[in-house]
Amino acid sequence: MSSLYNTSVLQLNGYNISYEGVFPAFLFAALNYMIILFCNLTLILTIVMNKSLHQPMHLFLLNLPINDLIGSSALFPQLLKEILTNSRRMQLSACIAQAFFIHIYAAGTVFILSAMAYDRYIAICYPLRYNTVMTNAHIMKIITLVWSSCVVLIAVLFILLLRLPRCRSEITLSYCDNPSLLTLVCEDTTINNIYGLFISALSQMIANGTVLYTYLRILIACFRSKQSDTKAKALQTCATHLLVFLLLECLGLFTIISYRIKNVPPHIRRFLGVSTLVFPPTLNPIIYGLKTKEIREKVMTFFRRKLFFY
């Protein structure tokens, strides 16, 4: 039994793929990852390389594709390796690193979307004060607070996890996260569960409270506005932002519930977990990038120049 406490290799019981299905599954996952990389890197480079896009809204938006790349890159390389080699073994250190960055991605998404909602609230409800309030220093404070909060909250989560000895080496998912790593522990995990629920509740209260308040105020301001074009533009922007936020919240909520309910089939738990790491990183750059006029024009201009050059 003592040797199990020091095991450094874990067994991941992920997806059971037949020999004939290996190539289609690998191709599908690789194409999905390439789309995520291409779209998010395009959005990042577009914002960074165009000084006209160095505005508060776009600076907040810049953090979203960076965060999406963290989450997707924590999942897809290991998933592709698992599909291609049909190997379900993973080093404990790699598993912990993957879980850490997946949780950074999850926390970062809700905090970044909350910061973006706050920016839209100031821009639409207090347009005359926007440039005074949203200074570069204020923006950097918010961005620093977002990332530092994510790192501190998740670091404490994993410090609490790593203090416990393990007596199992089998994970029922195809990737690693904090709940799956806790199943390897045979000692009391009450403190871990309480802290995990605490940071989940805290992040949800901050995110949902911020988004609910800001978008409610934005809707009120839009309906009071006499300028129909301004109202339509504001409502369109808010609708797309709210759509992404609700999608993420639903996937995250169902994933958390699936871990708390023991009767949930493992394949549903796997699907919900992977969906949270696949759909938002794929949709975010399209919705936030192509739906934003300034970014869409810069991207189209760049590709036109490249095509004309060739």
C-alpha atoms as a PDB file:
ATOM      1  CA  MET A   1       0.000   0.000   0.000  1.00  0.00           C
ATOM      2  CA  SER A   2       2.845   2.403   0.768  1.00  0.00           C
ATOM      3  CA  SER A   3       4.053   2.235  -2.833  1.00  0.00           C
ATOM      4  CA  LEU A   4       0.690   3.469  -4.039  1.00  0.00           C
ATOM      5  CA  TYR A   5       1.018   6.617  -1.975  1.00  0.00           C
ATOM      6  CA  ASN A   6       4.082   7.564  -4.000  1.00  0.00           C
ATOM      7  CA  THR A   7       2.799   6.599  -7.445  1.00  0.00           C
ATOM      8  CA  SER A   8       3.801   9.071 -10.129  1.00  0.00           C
ATOM      9  CA  VAL A   9       1.890   7.535 -13.047  1.00  0.00           C
ATOM     10  CA  LEU A  10      -1.890   7.816 -13.331  1.00  0.00           C
ATOM     11  CA  GLN A  11      -4.388   5.830 -15.367  1.00  0.00           C
ATOM     12  CA  LEU A  12      -6.932   7.966 -17.266  1.00  0.00           C
ATOM     13  CA  ASN A  13     -10.088   6.064 -18.223  1.00  0.00           C
ATOM     14  CA  GLY A  14     -11.250   8.465 -20.892  1.00  0.00           C
ATOM     15  CA  TYR A  15     -12.939   7.744 -24.179  1.00  0.00           C
ATOM     16  CA  ASN A  16     -13.024   4.184 -25.501  1.00  0.00           C
ATOM     17  CA  ILE A  17     -12.229   4.650 -29.189  1.00  0.00           C
ATOM     18  CA  SER A  18     -12.171   1.689 -31.560  1.00  0.00           C
ATOM     19  CA  TYR A  19      -9.254   1.154 -33.943  1.00  0.00           C
ATOM     20  CA  GLU A  20     -11.349   2.371 -36.894  1.00  0.00           C
ATOM     21  CA  GLY A  21     -12.367   5.521 -35.026  1.00  0.00           C
ATOM     22  CA  VAL A  22      -8.860   6.641 -34.022  1.00  0.00           C
ATOM     23  CA  PHE A  23      -8.104   8.590 -37.213  1.00  0.00           C
ATOM     24  CA  PRO A  24     -11.479  10.421 -37.433  1.00  0.00           C
ATOM     25  CA  ALA A  25     -11.311  11.300 -33.719  1.00  0.00           C
ATOM     26  CA  PHE A  26      -7.717  12.524 -34.015  1.00  0.00           C
ATOM     27  CA  LEU A  27      -8.533  14.535 -37.149  1.00  0.00           C
ATOM     28  CA  PHE A  28     -11.601  16.116 -35.546  1.00  0.00           C
ATOM     29  CA  ALA A  29      -9.727  17.059 -32.356  1.00  0.00           C
ATOM     30  CA  ALA A  30      -6.695  18.357 -34.290  1.00  0.00           C
ATOM     31  CA  LEU A  31      -8.848  20.502 -36.604  1.00  0.00           C
ATOM     32  CA  ASN A  32     -10.755  21.876 -33.612  1.00  0.00           C
ATOM     33  CA  TYR A  33      -7.508  22.795 -31.867  1.00  0.00           C
ATOM     34  CA  MET A  34      -6.128  24.399 -35.052  1.00  0.00           C
ATOM     35  CA  ILE A  35      -9.284  26.480 -35.421  1.00  0.00           C
ATOM     36  CA  ILE A  36      -9.002  27.613 -31.803  1.00  0.00           C
ATOM     37  CA  LEU A  37      -5.317  28.506 -32.265  1.00  0.00           C
ATOM     38  CA  PHE A  38      -5.897  30.318 -35.551  1.00  0.00           C
ATOM     39  CA  CYS A  39      -8.916  32.357 -34.416  1.00  0.00           C
ATOM     40  CA  ASN A  40      -7.528  33.328 -31.018  1.00  0.00           C
ATOM     41  CA  LEU A  41      -4.021  34.134 -32.292  1.00  0.00           C
ATOM     42  CA  THR A  42      -5.547  36.204 -35.104  1.00  0.00           C
ATOM     43  CA  LEU A  43      -7.575  38.175 -32.562  1.00  0.00           C
ATOM     44  CA  ILE A  44      -4.538  38.699 -30.307  1.00  0.00           C
ATOM     45  CA  LEU A  45      -2.255  39.846 -33.151  1.00  0.00           C
ATOM     46  CA  THR A  46      -4.940  42.100 -34.602  1.00  0.00           C
ATOM     47  CA  ILE A  47      -5.359  43.970 -31.326  1.00  0.00           C
ATOM     48  CA  VAL A  48      -1.636  44.088 -30.508  1.00  0.00           C
ATOM     49  CA  MET A  49      -0.459  45.236 -33.947  1.00  0.00           C
ATOM     50  CA  ASN A  50      -3.053  47.981 -34.477  1.00  0.00           C
ATOM     51  CA  LYS A  51      -2.621  51.044 -32.258  1.00  0.00           C
ATOM     52  CA  SER A  52      -6.134  52.197 -33.124  1.00  0.00           C
ATOM     53  CA  LEU A  53      -7.427  49.136 -31.234  1.00  0.00           C
ATOM     54  CA  HIS A  54      -5.525  49.985 -28.049  1.00  0.00           C
ATOM     55  CA  GLN A  55      -8.761  51.104 -26.445  1.00  0.00           C
ATOM     56  CA  PRO A  56     -10.137  49.952 -23.061  1.00  0.00           C
ATOM     57  CA  MET A  57     -12.718  47.609 -24.577  1.00  0.00           C
ATOM     58  CA  HIS A  58     -10.152  45.909 -26.817  1.00  0.00           C
ATOM     59  CA  LEU A  59      -7.526  45.721 -24.070  1.00  0.00           C
ATOM     60  CA  PHE A  60     -10.002  43.830 -21.893  1.00  0.00           C
ATOM     61  CA  LEU A  61     -10.939  41.689 -24.879  1.00  0.00           C
ATOM     62  CA  LEU A  62      -7.258  40.870 -25.473  1.00  0.00           C
ATOM     63  CA  ASN A  63      -7.195  38.874 -22.236  1.00  0.00           C
ATOM     64  CA  LEU A  64     -10.030  36.587 -23.357  1.00  0.00           C
ATOM     65  CA  PRO A  65      -8.198  34.833 -26.259  1.00  0.00           C
ATOM     66  CA  ILE A  66      -5.070  34.570 -24.086  1.00  0.00           C
ATOM     67  CA  ASN A  67      -7.160  32.820 -21.449  1.00  0.00           C
ATOM     68  CA  ASP A  68      -8.842  30.626 -24.077  1.00  0.00           C
ATOM     69  CA  LEU A  69      -5.438  29.509 -25.362  1.00  0.00           C
ATOM     70  CA  ILE A  70      -4.431  28.569 -21.809  1.00  0.00           C
ATOM     71  CA  GLY A  71      -7.509  26.372 -21.386  1.00  0.00           C
ATOM     72  CA  SER A  72      -7.461  24.726 -24.808  1.00  0.00           C
ATOM     73  CA  SER A  73      -3.689  24.141 -24.739  1.00  0.00           C
ATOM     74  CA  ALA A  74      -4.043  22.472 -21.348  1.00  0.00           C
ATOM     75  CA  LEU A  75      -6.508  19.983 -22.868  1.00  0.00           C
ATOM     76  CA  PHE A  76      -5.831  19.302 -26.548  1.00  0.00           C
ATOM     77  CA  PRO A  77      -2.133  18.250 -26.676  1.00  0.00           C
ATOM     78  CA  GLN A  78      -2.723  15.572 -24.027  1.00  0.00           C
ATOM     79  CA  LEU A  79      -6.039  14.554 -25.637  1.00  0.00           C
ATOM     80  CA  LEU A  80      -4.418  14.231 -29.081  1.00  0.00           C
ATOM     81  CA  LYS A  81      -1.594  12.160 -27.606  1.00  0.00           C
ATOM     82  CA  GLU A  82      -4.114   9.939 -25.833  1.00  0.00           C
ATOM     83  CA  ILE A  83      -6.087   9.351 -29.050  1.00  0.00           C
ATOM     84  CA  LEU A  84      -3.059   8.785 -31.286  1.00  0.00           C
ATOM     85  CA  THR A  85      -1.035   6.487 -29.015  1.00  0.00           C
ATOM     86  CA  ASN A  86      -4.030   4.848 -27.319  1.00  0.00           C
ATOM     87  CA  SER A  87      -2.132   5.433 -24.082  1.00  0.00           C
ATOM     88  CA  ARG A  88      -4.097   6.238 -20.954  1.00  0.00           C
ATOM     89  CA  ARG A  89      -1.112   6.729 -18.694  1.00  0.00           C
ATOM     90  CA  MET A  90      -0.095  10.192 -17.538  1.00  0.00           C
ATOM     91  CA  GLN A  91       2.580  11.473 -15.212  1.00  0.00           C
ATOM     92  CA  LEU A  92       1.244  12.900 -11.957  1.00  0.00           C
ATOM     93  CA  SER A  93       3.178  16.147 -12.427  1.00  0.00           C
ATOM     94  CA  ALA A  94       1.689  16.600 -15.922  1.00  0.00           C
ATOM     95  CA  CYS A  95      -1.772  15.817 -14.562  1.00  0.00           C
ATOM     96  CA  ILE A  96      -1.454  18.429 -11.802  1.00  0.00           C
ATOM     97  CA  ALA A  97      -0.143  21.028 -14.274  1.00  0.00           C
ATOM     98  CA  GLN A  98      -3.028  20.328 -16.655  1.00  0.00           C
ATOM     99  CA  ALA A  99      -5.586  20.612 -13.851  1.00  0.00           C
ATOM    100  CA  PHE A 100      -4.029  23.850 -12.587  1.00  0.00           C
ATOM    101  CA  PHE A 101      -4.221  25.597 -15.968  1.00  0.00           C
ATOM    102  CA  ILE A 102      -7.737  24.284 -16.640  1.00  0.00           C
ATOM    103  CA  HIS A 103      -8.907  25.863 -13.383  1.00  0.00           C
ATOM    104  CA  ILE A 104      -7.006  29.093 -14.192  1.00  0.00           C
ATOM    105  CA  TYR A 105      -8.910  29.145 -17.493  1.00  0.00           C
ATOM    106  CA  ALA A 106     -12.269  28.576 -15.785  1.00  0.00           C
ATOM    107  CA  ALA A 107     -11.738  31.301 -13.173  1.00  0.00           C
ATOM    108  CA  GLY A 108     -10.167  33.669 -15.700  1.00  0.00           C
ATOM    109  CA  THR A 109     -13.112  33.415 -18.080  1.00  0.00           C
ATOM    110  CA  VAL A 110     -15.746  34.531 -15.572  1.00  0.00           C
ATOM    111  CA  PHE A 111     -13.561  37.335 -14.178  1.00  0.00           C
ATOM    112  CA  ILE A 112     -12.576  38.640 -17.628  1.00  0.00           C
ATOM    113  CA  LEU A 113     -16.198  38.614 -18.819  1.00  0.00           C
ATOM    114  CA  SER A 114     -17.137  40.500 -15.637  1.00  0.00           C
ATOM    115  CA  ALA A 115     -14.467  43.119 -16.363  1.00  0.00           C
ATOM    116  CA  MET A 116     -15.728  43.451 -19.939  1.00  0.00           C
ATOM    117  CA  ALA A 117     -19.300  43.898 -18.662  1.00  0.00           C
ATOM    118  CA  TYR A 118     -18.081  46.669 -16.346  1.00  0.00           C
ATOM    119  CA  ASP A 119     -16.348  48.382 -19.269  1.00  0.00           C
ATOM    120  CA  ARG A 120     -19.512  48.273 -21.398  1.00  0.00           C
ATOM    121  CA  TYR A 121     -21.525  49.597 -18.453  1.00  0.00           C
ATOM    122  CA  ILE A 122     -19.312  52.679 -18.090  1.00  0.00           C
ATOM    123  CA  ALA A 123     -19.194  53.211 -21.879  1.00  0.00           C
ATOM    124  CA  ILE A 124     -22.966  53.084 -22.386  1.00  0.00           C
ATOM    125  CA  CYS A 125     -24.325  54.491 -19.124  1.00  0.00           C
ATOM    126  CA  TYR A 126     -21.659  57.167 -18.565  1.00  0.00           C
ATOM    127  CA  PRO A 127     -20.258  57.981 -22.023  1.00  0.00           C
ATOM    128  CA  LEU A 128     -19.082  61.474 -21.080  1.00  0.00           C
ATOM    129  CA  ARG A 129     -17.081  60.150 -18.143  1.00  0.00           C
ATOM    130  CA  TYR A 130     -15.734  57.074 -19.941  1.00  0.00           C
ATOM    131  CA  ASN A 131     -12.311  58.455 -20.893  1.00  0.00           C
ATOM    132  CA  THR A 132     -11.901  59.937 -17.422  1.00  0.00           C
ATOM    133  CA  VAL A 133     -12.785  56.720 -15.611  1.00  0.00           C
ATOM    134  CA  MET A 134     -11.218  54.150 -17.937  1.00  0.00           C
ATOM    135  CA  THR A 135      -7.651  55.446 -17.902  1.00  0.00           C
ATOM    136  CA  ASN A 136      -4.706  53.182 -18.755  1.00  0.00           C
ATOM    137  CA  ALA A 137      -3.796  52.982 -15.070  1.00  0.00           C
ATOM    138  CA  HIS A 138      -7.345  51.953 -14.114  1.00  0.00           C
ATOM    139  CA  ILE A 139      -7.430  49.347 -16.885  1.00  0.00           C
ATOM    140  CA  MET A 140      -4.115  47.856 -15.768  1.00  0.00           C
ATOM    141  CA  LYS A 141      -5.360  47.694 -12.171  1.00  0.00           C
ATOM    142  CA  ILE A 142      -8.457  45.758 -13.248  1.00  0.00           C
ATOM    143  CA  ILE A 143      -6.495  43.369 -15.489  1.00  0.00           C
ATOM    144  CA  THR A 144      -3.888  42.790 -12.764  1.00  0.00           C
ATOM    145  CA  LEU A 145      -6.643  42.167 -10.219  1.00  0.00           C
ATOM    146  CA  VAL A 146      -8.317  39.649 -12.541  1.00  0.00           C
ATOM    147  CA  TRP A 147      -5.198  37.558 -13.152  1.00  0.00           C
ATOM    148  CA  SER A 148      -3.783  37.816  -9.627  1.00  0.00           C
ATOM    149  CA  SER A 149      -7.150  36.756  -8.159  1.00  0.00           C
ATOM    150  CA  CYS A 150      -7.235  33.719 -10.448  1.00  0.00           C
ATOM    151  CA  VAL A 151      -3.683  32.660  -9.612  1.00  0.00           C
ATOM    152  CA  VAL A 152      -4.084  33.119  -5.837  1.00  0.00           C
ATOM    153  CA  LEU A 153      -7.461  31.354  -5.601  1.00  0.00           C
ATOM    154  CA  ILE A 154      -6.381  28.396  -7.732  1.00  0.00           C
ATOM    155  CA  ALA A 155      -2.914  28.163  -6.137  1.00  0.00           C
ATOM    156  CA  VAL A 156      -4.488  27.784  -2.682  1.00  0.00           C
ATOM    157  CA  LEU A 157      -6.837  25.138  -4.111  1.00  0.00           C
ATOM    158  CA  PHE A 158      -3.899  23.047  -5.314  1.00  0.00           C
ATOM    159  CA  ILE A 159      -1.780  23.646  -2.212  1.00  0.00           C
ATOM    160  CA  LEU A 160      -4.624  22.115  -0.209  1.00  0.00           C
ATOM    161  CA  LEU A 161      -4.727  19.223  -2.687  1.00  0.00           C
ATOM    162  CA  LEU A 162      -0.998  18.490  -2.746  1.00  0.00           C
ATOM    163  CA  ARG A 163      -0.739  18.238   1.048  1.00  0.00           C
ATOM    164  CA  LEU A 164      -2.807  15.027   0.968  1.00  0.00           C
ATOM    165  CA  PRO A 165      -1.311  11.587   0.255  1.00  0.00           C
ATOM    166  CA  ARG A 166      -2.738   9.453  -2.541  1.00  0.00           C
ATOM    167  CA  CYS A 167      -3.705   5.801  -2.435  1.00  0.00           C
ATOM    168  CA  ARG A 168      -5.303   5.461  -5.893  1.00  0.00           C
ATOM    169  CA  SER A 169      -4.047   6.039  -9.424  1.00  0.00           C
ATOM    170  CA  GLU A 170      -7.158   5.783 -11.615  1.00  0.00           C
ATOM    171  CA  ILE A 171      -9.080   8.797 -12.996  1.00  0.00           C
ATOM    172  CA  THR A 172     -12.436   8.297 -14.736  1.00  0.00           C
ATOM    173  CA  LEU A 173     -11.998  11.299 -17.074  1.00  0.00           C
ATOM    174  CA  SER A 174      -9.818  11.849 -20.151  1.00  0.00           C
ATOM    175  CA  TYR A 175      -8.210  14.899 -18.537  1.00  0.00           C
ATOM    176  CA  CYS A 176      -7.271  16.038 -15.029  1.00  0.00           C
ATOM    177  CA  ASP A 177      -8.992  18.547 -12.767  1.00  0.00           C
ATOM    178  CA  ASN A 178      -9.270  19.153  -9.032  1.00  0.00           C
ATOM    179  CA  PRO A 179     -12.347  16.911  -8.393  1.00  0.00           C
ATOM    180  CA  SER A 180     -10.798  13.994 -10.292  1.00  0.00           C
ATOM    181  CA  LEU A 181      -7.498  14.390  -8.410  1.00  0.00           C
ATOM    182  CA  LEU A 182      -9.403  14.404  -5.117  1.00  0.00           C
ATOM    183  CA  THR A 183     -10.765  10.954  -5.950  1.00  0.00           C
ATOM    184  CA  LEU A 184      -7.198   9.646  -5.662  1.00  0.00           C
ATOM    185  CA  VAL A 185      -7.019  10.728  -2.011  1.00  0.00           C
ATOM    186  CA  CYS A 186      -8.050   8.335   0.749  1.00  0.00           C
ATOM    187  CA  GLU A 187      -7.926  10.821   3.621  1.00  0.00           C
ATOM    188  CA  ASP A 188     -10.545  13.351   4.678  1.00  0.00           C
ATOM    189  CA  THR A 189     -11.096  15.994   1.972  1.00  0.00           C
ATOM    190  CA  THR A 190     -13.645  18.138   3.822  1.00  0.00           C
ATOM    191  CA  ILE A 191     -11.418  21.234   3.823  1.00  0.00           C
ATOM    192  CA  ASN A 192     -10.762  20.846   0.089  1.00  0.00           C
ATOM    193  CA  ASN A 193     -14.469  20.460  -0.664  1.00  0.00           C
ATOM    194  CA  ILE A 194     -15.397  23.485   1.442  1.00  0.00           C
ATOM    195  CA  TYR A 195     -12.737  25.676  -0.165  1.00  0.00           C
ATOM    196  CA  GLY A 196     -13.664  24.428  -3.643  1.00  0.00           C
ATOM    197  CA  LEU A 197     -17.318  25.286  -3.053  1.00  0.00           C
ATOM    198  CA  PHE A 198     -16.268  28.633  -1.545  1.00  0.00           C
ATOM    199  CA  ILE A 199     -14.261  29.799  -4.580  1.00  0.00           C
ATOM    200  CA  SER A 200     -16.959  28.476  -6.938  1.00  0.00           C
ATOM    201  CA  ALA A 201     -19.641  30.418  -5.043  1.00  0.00           C
ATOM    202  CA  LEU A 202     -17.425  33.515  -4.763  1.00  0.00           C
ATOM    203  CA  SER A 203     -16.591  33.616  -8.470  1.00  0.00           C
ATOM    204  CA  GLN A 204     -20.215  32.997  -9.426  1.00  0.00           C
ATOM    205  CA  MET A 205     -21.477  35.708  -7.086  1.00  0.00           C
ATOM    206  CA  ILE A 206     -18.971  38.230  -8.446  1.00  0.00           C
ATOM    207  CA  ALA A 207     -19.541  37.285 -12.091  1.00  0.00           C
ATOM    208  CA  ASN A 208     -23.328  36.911 -12.003  1.00  0.00           C
ATOM    209  CA  GLY A 209     -23.769  39.946  -9.754  1.00  0.00           C
ATOM    210  CA  THR A 210     -21.587  42.147 -11.974  1.00  0.00           C
ATOM    211  CA  VAL A 211     -23.123  40.956 -15.235  1.00  0.00           C
ATOM    212  CA  LEU A 212     -26.713  41.110 -13.934  1.00  0.00           C
ATOM    213  CA  TYR A 213     -26.309  44.631 -12.522  1.00  0.00           C
ATOM    214  CA  THR A 214     -24.357  46.099 -15.442  1.00  0.00           C
ATOM    215  CA  TYR A 215     -26.521  44.655 -18.207  1.00  0.00           C
ATOM    216  CA  LEU A 216     -29.700  45.605 -16.399  1.00  0.00           C
ATOM    217  CA  ARG A 217     -28.457  49.189 -16.177  1.00  0.00           C
ATOM    218  CA  ILE A 218     -27.386  49.044 -19.825  1.00  0.00           C
ATOM    219  CA  LEU A 219     -30.840  47.865 -20.930  1.00  0.00           C
ATOM    220  CA  ILE A 220     -32.494  50.650 -18.950  1.00  0.00           C
ATOM    221  CA  ALA A 221     -30.142  53.218 -20.493  1.00  0.00           C
ATOM    222  CA  CYS A 222     -30.781  51.841 -23.989  1.00  0.00           C
ATOM    223  CA  PHE A 223     -34.556  52.040 -23.693  1.00  0.00           C
ATOM    224  CA  ARG A 224     -34.293  55.581 -22.364  1.00  0.00           C
ATOM    225  CA  SER A 225     -32.080  56.637 -25.255  1.00  0.00           C
ATOM    226  CA  LYS A 226     -33.742  58.543 -28.070  1.00  0.00           C
ATOM    227  CA  GLN A 227     -31.075  57.622 -30.625  1.00  0.00           C
ATOM    228  CA  SER A 228     -32.239  54.453 -32.352  1.00  0.00           C
ATOM    229  CA  ASP A 229     -28.847  53.610 -33.901  1.00  0.00           C
ATOM    230  CA  THR A 230     -27.077  53.913 -30.541  1.00  0.00           C
ATOM    231  CA  LYS A 231     -29.741  51.776 -28.907  1.00  0.00           C
ATOM    232  CA  ALA A 232     -29.498  49.087 -31.591  1.00  0.00           C
ATOM    233  CA  LYS A 233     -25.677  48.958 -31.447  1.00  0.00           C
ATOM    234  CA  ALA A 234     -25.641  48.757 -27.648  1.00  0.00           C
ATOM    235  CA  LEU A 235     -28.298  46.038 -27.557  1.00  0.00           C
ATOM    236  CA  GLN A 236     -26.452  44.010 -30.215  1.00  0.00           C
ATOM    237  CA  THR A 237     -23.174  44.244 -28.288  1.00  0.00           C
ATOM    238  CA  CYS A 238     -24.821  43.274 -25.009  1.00  0.00           C
ATOM    239  CA  ALA A 239     -26.733  40.406 -26.594  1.00  0.00           C
ATOM    240  CA  THR A 240     -23.583  38.762 -27.982  1.00  0.00           C
ATOM    241  CA  HIS A 241     -21.677  39.236 -24.716  1.00  0.00           C
ATOM    242  CA  LEU A 242     -24.585  37.862 -22.709  1.00  0.00           C
ATOM    243  CA  LEU A 243     -24.916  34.844 -25.027  1.00  0.00           C
ATOM    244  CA  VAL A 244     -21.302  33.809 -24.444  1.00  0.00           C
ATOM    245  CA  PHE A 245     -21.604  34.374 -20.705  1.00  0.00           C
ATOM    246  CA  LEU A 246     -24.789  32.300 -20.416  1.00  0.00           C
ATOM    247  CA  LEU A 247     -23.265  29.473 -22.469  1.00  0.00           C
ATOM    248  CA  LEU A 248     -20.235  29.354 -20.201  1.00  0.00           C
ATOM    249  CA  GLU A 249     -22.343  29.566 -17.036  1.00  0.00           C
ATOM    250  CA  CYS A 250     -24.646  26.741 -18.137  1.00  0.00           C
ATOM    251  CA  LEU A 251     -21.768  24.439 -19.078  1.00  0.00           C
ATOM    252  CA  GLY A 252     -19.894  25.267 -15.866  1.00  0.00           C
ATOM    253  CA  LEU A 253     -22.965  24.818 -13.681  1.00  0.00           C
ATOM    254  CA  PHE A 254     -23.887  21.468 -15.214  1.00  0.00           C
ATOM    255  CA  THR A 255     -20.274  20.298 -14.859  1.00  0.00           C
ATOM    256  CA  ILE A 256     -20.171  21.216 -11.151  1.00  0.00           C
ATOM    257  CA  ILE A 257     -23.531  19.532 -10.557  1.00  0.00           C
ATOM    258  CA  SER A 258     -22.374  16.375 -12.373  1.00  0.00           C
ATOM    259  CA  TYR A 259     -19.492  16.034  -9.907  1.00  0.00           C
ATOM    260  CA  ARG A 260     -21.808  16.390  -6.905  1.00  0.00           C
ATOM    261  CA  ILE A 261     -24.365  13.849  -8.151  1.00  0.00           C
ATOM    262  CA  LYS A 262     -22.876  10.355  -8.062  1.00  0.00           C
ATOM    263  CA  ASN A 263     -25.501   8.827 -10.360  1.00  0.00           C
ATOM    264  CA  VAL A 264     -24.488  10.923 -13.381  1.00  0.00           C
ATOM    265  CA  PRO A 265     -23.062   8.602 -16.095  1.00  0.00           C
ATOM    266  CA  PRO A 266     -19.297   9.088 -16.619  1.00  0.00           C
ATOM    267  CA  HIS A 267     -19.681   9.818 -20.360  1.00  0.00           C
ATOM    268  CA  ILE A 268     -22.022  12.760 -19.624  1.00  0.00           C
ATOM    269  CA  ARG A 269     -19.543  14.110 -17.084  1.00  0.00           C
ATOM    270  CA  ARG A 270     -16.762  13.798 -19.667  1.00  0.00           C
ATOM    271  CA  PHE A 271     -18.824  15.523 -22.357  1.00  0.00           C
ATOM    272  CA  LEU A 272     -19.750  18.462 -20.108  1.00  0.00           C
ATOM    273  CA  GLY A 273     -16.167  18.914 -18.933  1.00  0.00           C
ATOM    274  CA  VAL A 274     -14.691  18.850 -22.433  1.00  0.00           C
ATOM    275  CA  SER A 275     -17.472  21.105 -23.788  1.00  0.00           C
ATOM    276  CA  THR A 276     -16.457  23.839 -21.337  1.00  0.00           C
ATOM    277  CA  LEU A 277     -12.935  23.686 -22.773  1.00  0.00           C
ATOM    278  CA  VAL A 278     -13.977  23.437 -26.433  1.00  0.00           C
ATOM    279  CA  PHE A 279     -17.025  25.590 -27.190  1.00  0.00           C
ATOM    280  CA  PRO A 280     -16.112  28.915 -25.483  1.00  0.00           C
ATOM    281  CA  PRO A 281     -12.541  29.059 -26.928  1.00  0.00           C
ATOM    282  CA  THR A 282     -13.979  28.307 -30.370  1.00  0.00           C
ATOM    283  CA  LEU A 283     -16.880  30.767 -30.218  1.00  0.00           C
ATOM    284  CA  ASN A 284     -15.313  33.641 -28.257  1.00  0.00           C
ATOM    285  CA  PRO A 285     -12.969  34.974 -30.985  1.00  0.00           C
ATOM    286  CA  ILE A 286     -15.723  34.676 -33.581  1.00  0.00           C
ATOM    287  CA  ILE A 287     -18.408  36.385 -31.516  1.00  0.00           C
ATOM    288  CA  TYR A 288     -16.213  39.015 -29.882  1.00  0.00           C
ATOM    289  CA  GLY A 289     -13.870  39.463 -32.851  1.00  0.00           C
ATOM    290  CA  LEU A 290     -15.923  39.246 -36.026  1.00  0.00           C
ATOM    291  CA  LYS A 291     -18.965  40.848 -34.400  1.00  0.00           C
ATOM    292  CA  THR A 292     -16.839  43.882 -33.439  1.00  0.00           C
ATOM    293  CA  LYS A 293     -16.736  46.216 -36.433  1.00  0.00           C
ATOM    294  CA  GLU A 294     -13.295  47.710 -35.802  1.00  0.00           C
ATOM    295  CA  ILE A 295     -11.637  44.300 -35.356  1.00  0.00           C
ATOM    296  CA  ARG A 296     -13.472  42.765 -38.306  1.00  0.00           C
ATOM    297  CA  GLU A 297     -12.310  45.579 -40.601  1.00  0.00           C
ATOM    298  CA  LYS A 298      -8.682  45.239 -39.482  1.00  0.00           C
ATOM    299  CA  VAL A 299      -8.725  41.467 -40.000  1.00  0.00           C
ATOM    300  CA  MET A 300     -10.291  41.765 -43.453  1.00  0.00           C
ATOM    301  CA  THR A 301      -7.802  44.476 -44.449  1.00  0.00           C
ATOM    302  CA  PHE A 302      -4.875  42.295 -43.336  1.00  0.00           C
ATOM    303  CA  PHE A 303      -6.019  39.256 -45.338  1.00  0.00           C
ATOM    304  CA  ARG A 304      -6.830  41.373 -48.405  1.00  0.00           C
ATOM    305  CA  ARG A 305      -3.288  42.759 -48.357  1.00  0.00           C
ATOM    306  CA  LYS A 306      -1.825  39.261 -48.045  1.00  0.00           C
ATOM    307  CA  LEU A 307      -3.936  37.933 -50.909  1.00  0.00           C
ATOM    308  CA  PHE A 308      -3.088  40.944 -53.075  1.00  0.00           C
ATOM    309  CA  PHE A 309       0.622  40.492 -52.286  1.00  0.00           C
ATOM    310  CA  TYR A 310       0.618  36.848 -53.324  1.00  0.00           C
END
